Amino acid sequence: MAFLDFAQPRLSPAVAGVVSQAAFQGHEWAVIALARSDGAASLSAPGRFRRLIESFFKIRRPNRLADPRLEALRRMAVLLRIGGGKASDDERAGFLSAGYTRSQLSALAAYVTKAIRP
């Protein structure tokens, strides 16, 4: 019987050369994987009209993560995926103030641009 370690991402050889798996822990990689399906609407709070439309059509929005540090990671992963590997200086500052390093930001940007957008 084979064992697969789902705590670590399966990186292609091209991406593995750019991104070290040690850049993030297992639960952080899980958050990055979850962010693949989150859209831009998950980054901001909905207004009154949007909440009305969502409740009428039974649209479910992704919940924010309870841990602020992991929410900052999810948010940055979504921003980098949508923005083609770019995020504003304010967003970068928020990511860094959550306790992440510049090398983790670079690793996340490399992973998002290489792995998610082929």
N, C-alpha and C. Protein backbone atom coordinates (compact mmCIF):
# COMPACT_ATOMS: atom_id res chain seq x y z
N MET A 1 0.85 -1.17 0.00
CA MET A 1 0.00 0.00 0.00
C MET A 1 0.90 1.24 0.00
N ALA A 2 0.58 2.17 -0.82
CA ALA A 2 1.37 3.40 -0.93
C ALA A 2 0.80 4.48 -0.03
N PHE A 3 1.66 5.41 0.36
CA PHE A 3 1.25 6.52 1.21
C PHE A 3 1.55 7.82 0.49
N LEU A 4 0.56 8.67 0.40
CA LEU A 4 0.74 9.99 -0.19
C LEU A 4 0.66 11.04 0.91
N ASP A 5 1.62 11.94 0.92
CA ASP A 5 1.63 13.00 1.91
C ASP A 5 0.90 14.20 1.33
N PHE A 6 -0.36 14.39 1.75
CA PHE A 6 -1.17 15.48 1.23
C PHE A 6 -0.86 16.80 1.93
N ALA A 7 -0.01 16.77 2.95
CA ALA A 7 0.34 18.00 3.66
C ALA A 7 1.25 18.87 2.81
N GLN A 8 2.02 18.27 1.92
CA GLN A 8 2.91 19.02 1.06
C GLN A 8 2.36 19.03 -0.36
N PRO A 9 2.48 20.14 -1.06
CA PRO A 9 1.95 20.20 -2.41
C PRO A 9 2.77 19.36 -3.37
N ARG A 10 2.12 18.88 -4.41
CA ARG A 10 2.83 18.15 -5.45
C ARG A 10 3.21 19.18 -6.51
N LEU A 11 4.47 19.56 -6.51
CA LEU A 11 4.95 20.58 -7.43
C LEU A 11 5.56 19.91 -8.66
N SER A 12 5.30 20.50 -9.79
CA SER A 12 5.92 19.99 -11.01
C SER A 12 7.41 20.30 -10.95
N PRO A 13 8.24 19.60 -11.72
CA PRO A 13 9.68 19.86 -11.68
C PRO A 13 10.04 21.31 -11.99
N ALA A 14 9.31 21.94 -12.89
CA ALA A 14 9.61 23.34 -13.23
C ALA A 14 9.33 24.26 -12.05
N VAL A 15 8.24 24.00 -11.34
CA VAL A 15 7.87 24.83 -10.20
C VAL A 15 8.74 24.50 -9.00
N ALA A 16 9.09 23.23 -8.82
CA ALA A 16 9.89 22.83 -7.67
C ALA A 16 11.26 23.50 -7.69
N GLY A 17 11.79 23.79 -8.88
CA GLY A 17 13.06 24.49 -8.97
C GLY A 17 12.97 25.93 -8.49
N VAL A 18 11.79 26.51 -8.54
CA VAL A 18 11.60 27.90 -8.15
C VAL A 18 11.14 28.02 -6.71
N VAL A 19 10.26 27.12 -6.28
CA VAL A 19 9.62 27.23 -4.98
C VAL A 19 10.09 26.11 -4.07
N SER A 20 10.60 26.46 -2.92
CA SER A 20 10.98 25.48 -1.92
C SER A 20 9.75 25.10 -1.12
N GLN A 21 9.55 23.80 -0.90
CA GLN A 21 8.40 23.36 -0.12
C GLN A 21 8.52 23.81 1.32
N ALA A 22 9.73 24.13 1.77
CA ALA A 22 9.93 24.58 3.14
C ALA A 22 9.50 26.03 3.34
N ALA A 23 9.08 26.70 2.27
CA ALA A 23 8.66 28.10 2.38
C ALA A 23 7.42 28.23 3.25
N PHE A 24 6.54 27.24 3.22
CA PHE A 24 5.31 27.26 4.01
C PHE A 24 5.12 25.90 4.68
N GLN A 25 4.33 25.89 5.74
CA GLN A 25 4.00 24.63 6.42
C GLN A 25 2.82 23.98 5.72
N GLY A 26 2.50 22.77 6.14
CA GLY A 26 1.45 21.99 5.48
C GLY A 26 0.10 22.68 5.48
N HIS A 27 -0.31 23.23 6.61
CA HIS A 27 -1.63 23.89 6.66
C HIS A 27 -1.64 25.16 5.82
N GLU A 28 -0.48 25.80 5.66
CA GLU A 28 -0.42 27.00 4.82
C GLU A 28 -0.55 26.62 3.34
N TRP A 29 0.04 25.48 2.95
CA TRP A 29 -0.14 25.01 1.57
C TRP A 29 -1.60 24.66 1.30
N ALA A 30 -2.29 24.14 2.33
CA ALA A 30 -3.71 23.83 2.17
C ALA A 30 -4.52 25.10 1.93
N VAL A 31 -4.17 26.18 2.62
CA VAL A 31 -4.85 27.46 2.42
C VAL A 31 -4.59 27.98 1.01
N ILE A 32 -3.37 27.85 0.55
CA ILE A 32 -3.02 28.29 -0.81
C ILE A 32 -3.82 27.48 -1.84
N ALA A 33 -3.96 26.20 -1.61
CA ALA A 33 -4.74 25.36 -2.51
C ALA A 33 -6.21 25.75 -2.49
N LEU A 34 -6.74 26.08 -1.32
CA LEU A 34 -8.14 26.51 -1.23
C LEU A 34 -8.37 27.83 -1.97
N ALA A 35 -7.36 28.67 -2.00
CA ALA A 35 -7.50 29.99 -2.64
C ALA A 35 -7.61 29.89 -4.16
N ARG A 36 -7.32 28.73 -4.72
CA ARG A 36 -7.43 28.56 -6.18
C ARG A 36 -8.85 28.81 -6.68
N SER A 37 -9.83 28.45 -5.87
CA SER A 37 -11.22 28.57 -6.32
C SER A 37 -11.89 29.85 -5.85
N ASP A 38 -11.21 30.66 -5.04
CA ASP A 38 -11.79 31.91 -4.55
C ASP A 38 -11.63 33.01 -5.59
N GLY A 39 -12.68 33.77 -5.77
CA GLY A 39 -12.65 34.86 -6.73
C GLY A 39 -12.39 36.20 -6.06
N ALA A 40 -12.41 37.24 -6.86
CA ALA A 40 -12.16 38.58 -6.34
C ALA A 40 -13.24 39.03 -5.36
N ALA A 41 -14.45 38.50 -5.49
CA ALA A 41 -15.53 38.88 -4.59
C ALA A 41 -15.28 38.42 -3.16
N SER A 42 -14.40 37.43 -2.98
CA SER A 42 -14.11 36.94 -1.63
C SER A 42 -13.20 37.87 -0.85
N LEU A 43 -12.67 38.89 -1.52
CA LEU A 43 -11.72 39.79 -0.87
C LEU A 43 -12.36 40.96 -0.15
N SER A 44 -13.59 41.26 -0.46
CA SER A 44 -14.24 42.41 0.16
C SER A 44 -15.60 42.01 0.72
N ALA A 45 -16.05 42.80 1.68
CA ALA A 45 -17.36 42.54 2.27
C ALA A 45 -18.45 42.98 1.28
N PRO A 46 -19.50 42.19 1.15
CA PRO A 46 -20.56 42.56 0.19
C PRO A 46 -21.42 43.69 0.73
N GLY A 47 -21.91 44.48 -0.18
CA GLY A 47 -22.83 45.55 0.19
C GLY A 47 -24.23 45.02 0.40
N ARG A 48 -25.13 45.90 0.73
CA ARG A 48 -26.50 45.52 1.04
C ARG A 48 -27.19 44.89 -0.18
N PHE A 49 -27.03 45.52 -1.34
CA PHE A 49 -27.67 45.00 -2.55
C PHE A 49 -27.11 43.64 -2.93
N ARG A 50 -25.80 43.49 -2.82
CA ARG A 50 -25.17 42.21 -3.17
C ARG A 50 -25.64 41.10 -2.22
N ARG A 51 -25.76 41.41 -0.93
CA ARG A 51 -26.27 40.42 0.02
C ARG A 51 -27.70 40.01 -0.33
N LEU A 52 -28.51 40.98 -0.77
CA LEU A 52 -29.88 40.69 -1.17
C LEU A 52 -29.90 39.74 -2.37
N ILE A 53 -29.12 40.04 -3.38
CA ILE A 53 -29.04 39.20 -4.58
C ILE A 53 -28.53 37.81 -4.24
N GLU A 54 -27.49 37.76 -3.40
CA GLU A 54 -26.92 36.46 -3.03
C GLU A 54 -27.91 35.62 -2.23
N SER A 55 -28.67 36.26 -1.36
CA SER A 55 -29.66 35.49 -0.59
C SER A 55 -30.82 35.05 -1.48
N PHE A 56 -31.22 35.88 -2.44
CA PHE A 56 -32.31 35.54 -3.34
C PHE A 56 -31.95 34.36 -4.23
N PHE A 57 -30.72 34.39 -4.78
CA PHE A 57 -30.28 33.32 -5.68
C PHE A 57 -29.51 32.22 -4.98
N LYS A 58 -29.43 32.29 -3.66
CA LYS A 58 -28.75 31.29 -2.84
C LYS A 58 -27.30 31.09 -3.27
N ILE A 59 -26.62 32.19 -3.47
CA ILE A 59 -25.20 32.18 -3.82
C ILE A 59 -24.40 32.11 -2.52
N ARG A 60 -23.48 31.17 -2.46
CA ARG A 60 -22.66 31.02 -1.25
C ARG A 60 -21.29 31.62 -1.50
N ARG A 61 -20.89 32.49 -0.61
CA ARG A 61 -19.57 33.11 -0.68
C ARG A 61 -18.61 32.33 0.20
N PRO A 62 -17.33 32.28 -0.17
CA PRO A 62 -16.36 31.63 0.71
C PRO A 62 -16.23 32.42 2.02
N ASN A 63 -16.17 31.69 3.12
CA ASN A 63 -16.00 32.34 4.42
C ASN A 63 -14.56 32.80 4.60
N ARG A 64 -14.41 33.87 5.35
CA ARG A 64 -13.07 34.31 5.70
C ARG A 64 -12.52 33.33 6.72
N LEU A 65 -11.22 33.17 6.73
CA LEU A 65 -10.60 32.26 7.68
C LEU A 65 -10.55 32.91 9.06
N ALA A 66 -10.69 32.11 10.11
CA ALA A 66 -10.72 32.63 11.47
C ALA A 66 -9.35 33.14 11.91
N ASP A 67 -8.29 32.52 11.42
CA ASP A 67 -6.95 32.95 11.78
C ASP A 67 -6.54 34.11 10.87
N PRO A 68 -6.24 35.29 11.44
CA PRO A 68 -5.90 36.44 10.60
C PRO A 68 -4.65 36.22 9.75
N ARG A 69 -3.71 35.44 10.27
CA ARG A 69 -2.47 35.18 9.52
C ARG A 69 -2.77 34.32 8.28
N LEU A 70 -3.58 33.30 8.45
CA LEU A 70 -3.94 32.46 7.32
C LEU A 70 -4.86 33.20 6.34
N GLU A 71 -5.69 34.09 6.86
CA GLU A 71 -6.54 34.90 5.98
C GLU A 71 -5.68 35.83 5.12
N ALA A 72 -4.61 36.37 5.70
CA ALA A 72 -3.69 37.21 4.93
C ALA A 72 -3.02 36.40 3.83
N LEU A 73 -2.69 35.15 4.12
CA LEU A 73 -2.09 34.27 3.12
C LEU A 73 -3.09 33.96 2.01
N ARG A 74 -4.32 33.62 2.37
CA ARG A 74 -5.36 33.33 1.37
C ARG A 74 -5.61 34.55 0.49
N ARG A 75 -5.71 35.70 1.13
CA ARG A 75 -5.97 36.94 0.41
C ARG A 75 -4.85 37.23 -0.59
N MET A 76 -3.59 37.07 -0.16
CA MET A 76 -2.46 37.34 -1.05
C MET A 76 -2.43 36.33 -2.19
N ALA A 77 -2.76 35.07 -1.92
CA ALA A 77 -2.77 34.05 -2.98
C ALA A 77 -3.82 34.40 -4.04
N VAL A 78 -4.99 34.86 -3.59
CA VAL A 78 -6.05 35.24 -4.54
C VAL A 78 -5.61 36.47 -5.33
N LEU A 79 -5.06 37.46 -4.65
CA LEU A 79 -4.62 38.68 -5.34
C LEU A 79 -3.53 38.39 -6.37
N LEU A 80 -2.58 37.55 -6.02
CA LEU A 80 -1.51 37.22 -6.95
C LEU A 80 -2.04 36.43 -8.14
N ARG A 81 -2.99 35.53 -7.89
CA ARG A 81 -3.57 34.75 -8.99
C ARG A 81 -4.35 35.64 -9.94
N ILE A 82 -5.16 36.52 -9.39
CA ILE A 82 -5.99 37.40 -10.23
C ILE A 82 -5.14 38.46 -10.93
N GLY A 83 -4.16 38.99 -10.20
CA GLY A 83 -3.34 40.07 -10.74
C GLY A 83 -2.14 39.62 -11.55
N GLY A 84 -2.03 38.33 -11.83
CA GLY A 84 -0.91 37.86 -12.63
C GLY A 84 0.42 37.94 -11.91
N GLY A 85 0.42 37.74 -10.61
CA GLY A 85 1.65 37.77 -9.83
C GLY A 85 1.97 39.13 -9.24
N LYS A 86 1.05 40.07 -9.36
CA LYS A 86 1.29 41.42 -8.84
C LYS A 86 0.21 41.77 -7.82
N ALA A 87 0.63 42.52 -6.79
CA ALA A 87 -0.29 43.01 -5.78
C ALA A 87 0.16 44.41 -5.38
N SER A 88 -0.76 45.19 -4.84
CA SER A 88 -0.43 46.57 -4.47
C SER A 88 0.52 46.59 -3.28
N ASP A 89 1.17 47.72 -3.09
CA ASP A 89 2.09 47.88 -1.97
C ASP A 89 1.38 47.74 -0.63
N ASP A 90 0.15 48.23 -0.54
CA ASP A 90 -0.62 48.11 0.70
C ASP A 90 -0.91 46.65 1.02
N GLU A 91 -1.27 45.88 0.01
CA GLU A 91 -1.54 44.47 0.22
C GLU A 91 -0.28 43.72 0.62
N ARG A 92 0.83 44.06 0.00
CA ARG A 92 2.11 43.44 0.36
C ARG A 92 2.48 43.77 1.80
N ALA A 93 2.27 45.02 2.19
CA ALA A 93 2.57 45.43 3.56
C ALA A 93 1.69 44.69 4.56
N GLY A 94 0.43 44.47 4.22
CA GLY A 94 -0.47 43.71 5.08
C GLY A 94 -0.03 42.27 5.22
N PHE A 95 0.45 41.69 4.13
CA PHE A 95 0.95 40.31 4.15
C PHE A 95 2.19 40.21 5.04
N LEU A 96 3.09 41.16 4.90
CA LEU A 96 4.32 41.14 5.69
C LEU A 96 4.03 41.43 7.17
N SER A 97 3.06 42.29 7.44
CA SER A 97 2.74 42.59 8.84
C SER A 97 2.01 41.42 9.52
N ALA A 98 1.49 40.48 8.74
CA ALA A 98 0.84 39.29 9.31
C ALA A 98 1.87 38.29 9.81
N GLY A 99 3.15 38.54 9.54
CA GLY A 99 4.20 37.66 10.05
C GLY A 99 4.94 36.88 8.98
N TYR A 100 4.63 37.12 7.73
CA TYR A 100 5.32 36.43 6.65
C TYR A 100 6.54 37.25 6.23
N THR A 101 7.46 36.60 5.54
CA THR A 101 8.69 37.27 5.11
C THR A 101 8.63 37.59 3.62
N ARG A 102 9.58 38.38 3.19
CA ARG A 102 9.66 38.72 1.76
C ARG A 102 9.98 37.49 0.92
N SER A 103 10.78 36.58 1.46
CA SER A 103 11.09 35.37 0.70
C SER A 103 9.84 34.48 0.56
N GLN A 104 8.98 34.46 1.56
CA GLN A 104 7.72 33.72 1.44
C GLN A 104 6.80 34.38 0.42
N LEU A 105 6.82 35.71 0.37
CA LEU A 105 6.02 36.42 -0.63
C LEU A 105 6.52 36.09 -2.03
N SER A 106 7.83 36.05 -2.20
CA SER A 106 8.40 35.69 -3.50
C SER A 106 8.07 34.25 -3.87
N ALA A 107 8.15 33.35 -2.89
CA ALA A 107 7.83 31.94 -3.15
C ALA A 107 6.36 31.79 -3.52
N LEU A 108 5.49 32.51 -2.83
CA LEU A 108 4.06 32.44 -3.14
C LEU A 108 3.78 32.98 -4.54
N ALA A 109 4.40 34.10 -4.89
CA ALA A 109 4.21 34.67 -6.22
C ALA A 109 4.71 33.71 -7.30
N ALA A 110 5.86 33.08 -7.05
CA ALA A 110 6.39 32.12 -8.03
C ALA A 110 5.48 30.92 -8.16
N TYR A 111 4.97 30.43 -7.05
CA TYR A 111 4.08 29.26 -7.09
C TYR A 111 2.78 29.59 -7.82
N VAL A 112 2.20 30.72 -7.49
CA VAL A 112 0.92 31.09 -8.09
C VAL A 112 1.06 31.31 -9.59
N THR A 113 2.10 31.99 -10.02
CA THR A 113 2.23 32.28 -11.44
C THR A 113 2.66 31.05 -12.24
N LYS A 114 3.44 30.16 -11.65
CA LYS A 114 3.91 28.98 -12.39
C LYS A 114 2.93 27.81 -12.29
N ALA A 115 2.38 27.56 -11.11
CA ALA A 115 1.57 26.37 -10.91
C ALA A 115 0.10 26.57 -11.27
N ILE A 116 -0.46 27.70 -10.92
CA ILE A 116 -1.87 27.91 -11.15
C ILE A 116 -2.14 28.41 -12.56
N ARG A 117 -1.31 29.28 -13.04
CA ARG A 117 -1.44 29.77 -14.43
C ARG A 117 -0.33 29.16 -15.26
N PRO A 118 -0.63 28.13 -16.02
CA PRO A 118 0.42 27.44 -16.79
C PRO A 118 0.99 28.30 -17.89
